[in-house]
C-alpha atoms as a PDB file:
ATOM      1  CA  MET A   1      79.742 106.669  87.002  1.00  0.00           C
ATOM      2  CA  ARG A   2      80.058 109.045  89.932  1.00  0.00           C
ATOM      3  CA  LEU A   3      83.033 108.532  92.250  1.00  0.00           C
ATOM      4  CA  ALA A   4      84.124 110.032  95.528  1.00  0.00           C
ATOM      5  CA  ILE A   5      87.876 109.839  96.083  1.00  0.00           C
ATOM      6  CA  ALA A   6      89.743 110.511  99.314  1.00  0.00           C
ATOM      7  CA  TYR A   7      93.515 110.471  99.584  1.00  0.00           C
ATOM      8  CA  ASP A   8      96.316 110.639 102.140  1.00  0.00           C
ATOM      9  CA  VAL A   9      99.687 111.313 100.556  1.00  0.00           C
ATOM     10  CA  SER A  10     102.722 112.150 102.675  1.00  0.00           C
ATOM     11  CA  GLU A  11     105.124 113.817 100.219  1.00  0.00           C
ATOM     12  CA  ASP A  12     104.194 117.307  99.003  1.00  0.00           C
ATOM     13  CA  ALA A  13     105.274 116.647  95.409  1.00  0.00           C
ATOM     14  CA  ASN A  14     103.237 113.442  95.196  1.00  0.00           C
ATOM     15  CA  ARG A  15     100.231 115.110  96.841  1.00  0.00           C
ATOM     16  CA  ARG A  16     100.370 117.899  94.244  1.00  0.00           C
ATOM     17  CA  GLN A  17     100.403 115.331  91.435  1.00  0.00           C
ATOM     18  CA  VAL A  18      97.439 113.430  92.915  1.00  0.00           C
ATOM     19  CA  TYR A  19      95.520 116.708  93.308  1.00  0.00           C
ATOM     20  CA  ARG A  20      96.275 117.808  89.737  1.00  0.00           C
ATOM     21  CA  THR A  21      95.335 114.402  88.338  1.00  0.00           C
ATOM     22  CA  LEU A  22      91.997 114.403  90.157  1.00  0.00           C
ATOM     23  CA  GLN A  23      91.355 118.004  89.158  1.00  0.00           C
ATOM     24  CA  LYS A  24      91.453 116.936  85.481  1.00  0.00           C
ATOM     25  CA  TYR A  25      88.582 114.518  86.109  1.00  0.00           C
ATOM     26  CA  GLY A  26      86.322 116.237  88.631  1.00  0.00           C
ATOM     27  CA  ALA A  27      85.595 118.715  91.377  1.00  0.00           C
ATOM     28  CA  TRP A  28      87.483 119.341  94.589  1.00  0.00           C
ATOM     29  CA  LYS A  29      84.938 119.081  97.408  1.00  0.00           C
ATOM     30  CA  GLN A  30      86.954 119.117 100.592  1.00  0.00           C
ATOM     31  CA  TYR A  31      90.591 118.830 101.625  1.00  0.00           C
ATOM     32  CA  SER A  32      91.797 115.562 100.084  1.00  0.00           C
ATOM     33  CA  VAL A  33      88.334 114.698  98.691  1.00  0.00           C
ATOM     34  CA  PHE A  34      87.108 114.884  95.098  1.00  0.00           C
ATOM     35  CA  GLU A  35      83.894 113.947  93.323  1.00  0.00           C
ATOM     36  CA  LEU A  36      84.079 112.986  89.678  1.00  0.00           C
ATOM     37  CA  GLU A  37      81.959 111.692  86.848  1.00  0.00           C
ATOM     38  CA  VAL A  38      83.854 109.218  84.640  1.00  0.00           C
ATOM     39  CA  ASN A  39      83.204 106.301  82.350  1.00  0.00           C
ATOM     40  CA  LYS A  40      84.781 102.855  82.832  1.00  0.00           C
ATOM     41  CA  THR A  41      87.740 103.596  80.579  1.00  0.00           C
ATOM     42  CA  GLU A  42      88.468 106.898  82.327  1.00  0.00           C
ATOM     43  CA  ARG A  43      88.301 105.168  85.708  1.00  0.00           C
ATOM     44  CA  VAL A  44      90.958 102.654  84.661  1.00  0.00           C
ATOM     45  CA  GLU A  45      93.148 105.449  83.268  1.00  0.00           C
ATOM     46  CA  LEU A  46      92.640 107.498  86.431  1.00  0.00           C
ATOM     47  CA  GLU A  47      93.569 104.635  88.738  1.00  0.00           C
ATOM     48  CA  ASP A  48      96.681 103.862  86.672  1.00  0.00           C
ATOM     49  CA  GLU A  49      97.771 107.503  86.773  1.00  0.00           C
ATOM     50  CA  LEU A  50      97.108 107.862  90.513  1.00  0.00           C
ATOM     51  CA  GLU A  51      99.149 104.753  91.318  1.00  0.00           C
ATOM     52  CA  LYS A  52     102.181 106.421  89.726  1.00  0.00           C
ATOM     53  CA  HIS A  53     101.992 109.295  92.236  1.00  0.00           C
ATOM     54  CA  ILE A  54     101.788 107.427  95.532  1.00  0.00           C
ATOM     55  CA  ASP A  55     104.288 105.514  97.631  1.00  0.00           C
ATOM     56  CA  PRO A  56     102.619 102.799  99.727  1.00  0.00           C
ATOM     57  CA  ASP A  57     105.882 102.401 101.683  1.00  0.00           C
ATOM     58  CA  ASP A  58     105.321 105.964 102.989  1.00  0.00           C
ATOM     59  CA  GLY A  59     101.760 105.110 104.023  1.00  0.00           C
ATOM     60  CA  ASP A  60     100.157 106.797 101.015  1.00  0.00           C
ATOM     61  CA  ARG A  61      96.681 105.612 100.166  1.00  0.00           C
ATOM     62  CA  ILE A  62      93.764 106.510  97.959  1.00  0.00           C
ATOM     63  CA  ARG A  63      90.220 105.315  98.565  1.00  0.00           C
ATOM     64  CA  ILE A  64      87.677 105.275  95.724  1.00  0.00           C
ATOM     65  CA  TYR A  65      83.941 105.053  96.392  1.00  0.00           C
ATOM     66  CA  ARG A  66      81.384 104.539  93.649  1.00  0.00           C
ATOM     67  CA  LEU A  67      78.246 106.556  94.321  1.00  0.00           C
ATOM     68  CA  CYS A  68      75.041 104.986  93.026  1.00  0.00           C
ATOM     69  CA  GLU A  69      72.169 107.117  91.729  1.00  0.00           C
ATOM     70  CA  SER A  70      70.140 106.720  94.919  1.00  0.00           C
ATOM     71  CA  CYS A  71      73.236 107.648  96.944  1.00  0.00           C
ATOM     72  CA  LEU A  72      73.504 110.951  95.094  1.00  0.00           C
ATOM     73  CA  ASP A  73      70.077 111.949  96.361  1.00  0.00           C
ATOM     74  CA  ASP A  74      71.194 111.333  99.944  1.00  0.00           C
ATOM     75  CA  ILE A  75      74.330 113.504  99.966  1.00  0.00           C
ATOM     76  CA  SER A  76      74.207 116.121 102.710  1.00  0.00           C
ATOM     77  CA  ASN A  77      76.563 119.027 103.294  1.00  0.00           C
ATOM     78  CA  LEU A  78      76.965 120.358 106.809  1.00  0.00           C
ATOM     79  CA  GLY A  79      79.029 123.301 107.942  1.00  0.00           C
ATOM     80  CA  ALA A  80      80.912 125.727 105.729  1.00  0.00           C
ATOM     81  CA  ASP A  81      80.449 125.894 101.982  1.00  0.00           C
ATOM     82  CA  GLN A  82      82.679 123.673  99.901  1.00  0.00           C
ATOM     83  CA  PRO A  83      86.120 125.136  99.165  1.00  0.00           C
ATOM     84  CA  ASP A  84      86.638 127.477  96.272  1.00  0.00           C
ATOM     85  CA  GLU A  85      89.421 126.889  93.758  1.00  0.00           C
ATOM     86  CA  GLN A  86      92.044 127.551  96.433  1.00  0.00           C
ATOM     87  CA  SER A  87      93.532 124.501  98.069  1.00  0.00           C
ATOM     88  CA  ASN A  88      95.939 123.449 100.754  1.00  0.00           C
ATOM     89  CA  VAL A  89      98.103 121.680  98.205  1.00  0.00           C
ATOM     90  CA  LEU A  90     101.642 122.989  98.441  1.00  0.00           C
END
């Protein structure tokens, strides 16, 4: 299944861990946004791992969107090209 994941994480160390976890599963598309292709088991593992790296008391949150096949055909990119391997993760 294809997922789009957006995250807001306040602490630098936690944000780095979220970024590195997502990087293992998919492609960085935009600051704090990844797209990944995973199976059901990987999704459960991913969600479990991500939960370890956020602190809801600090306002941290991660939003996961499942992208259906027809949705993939309707993705548009406007503006600058997607980021290269560099990131703003500290």
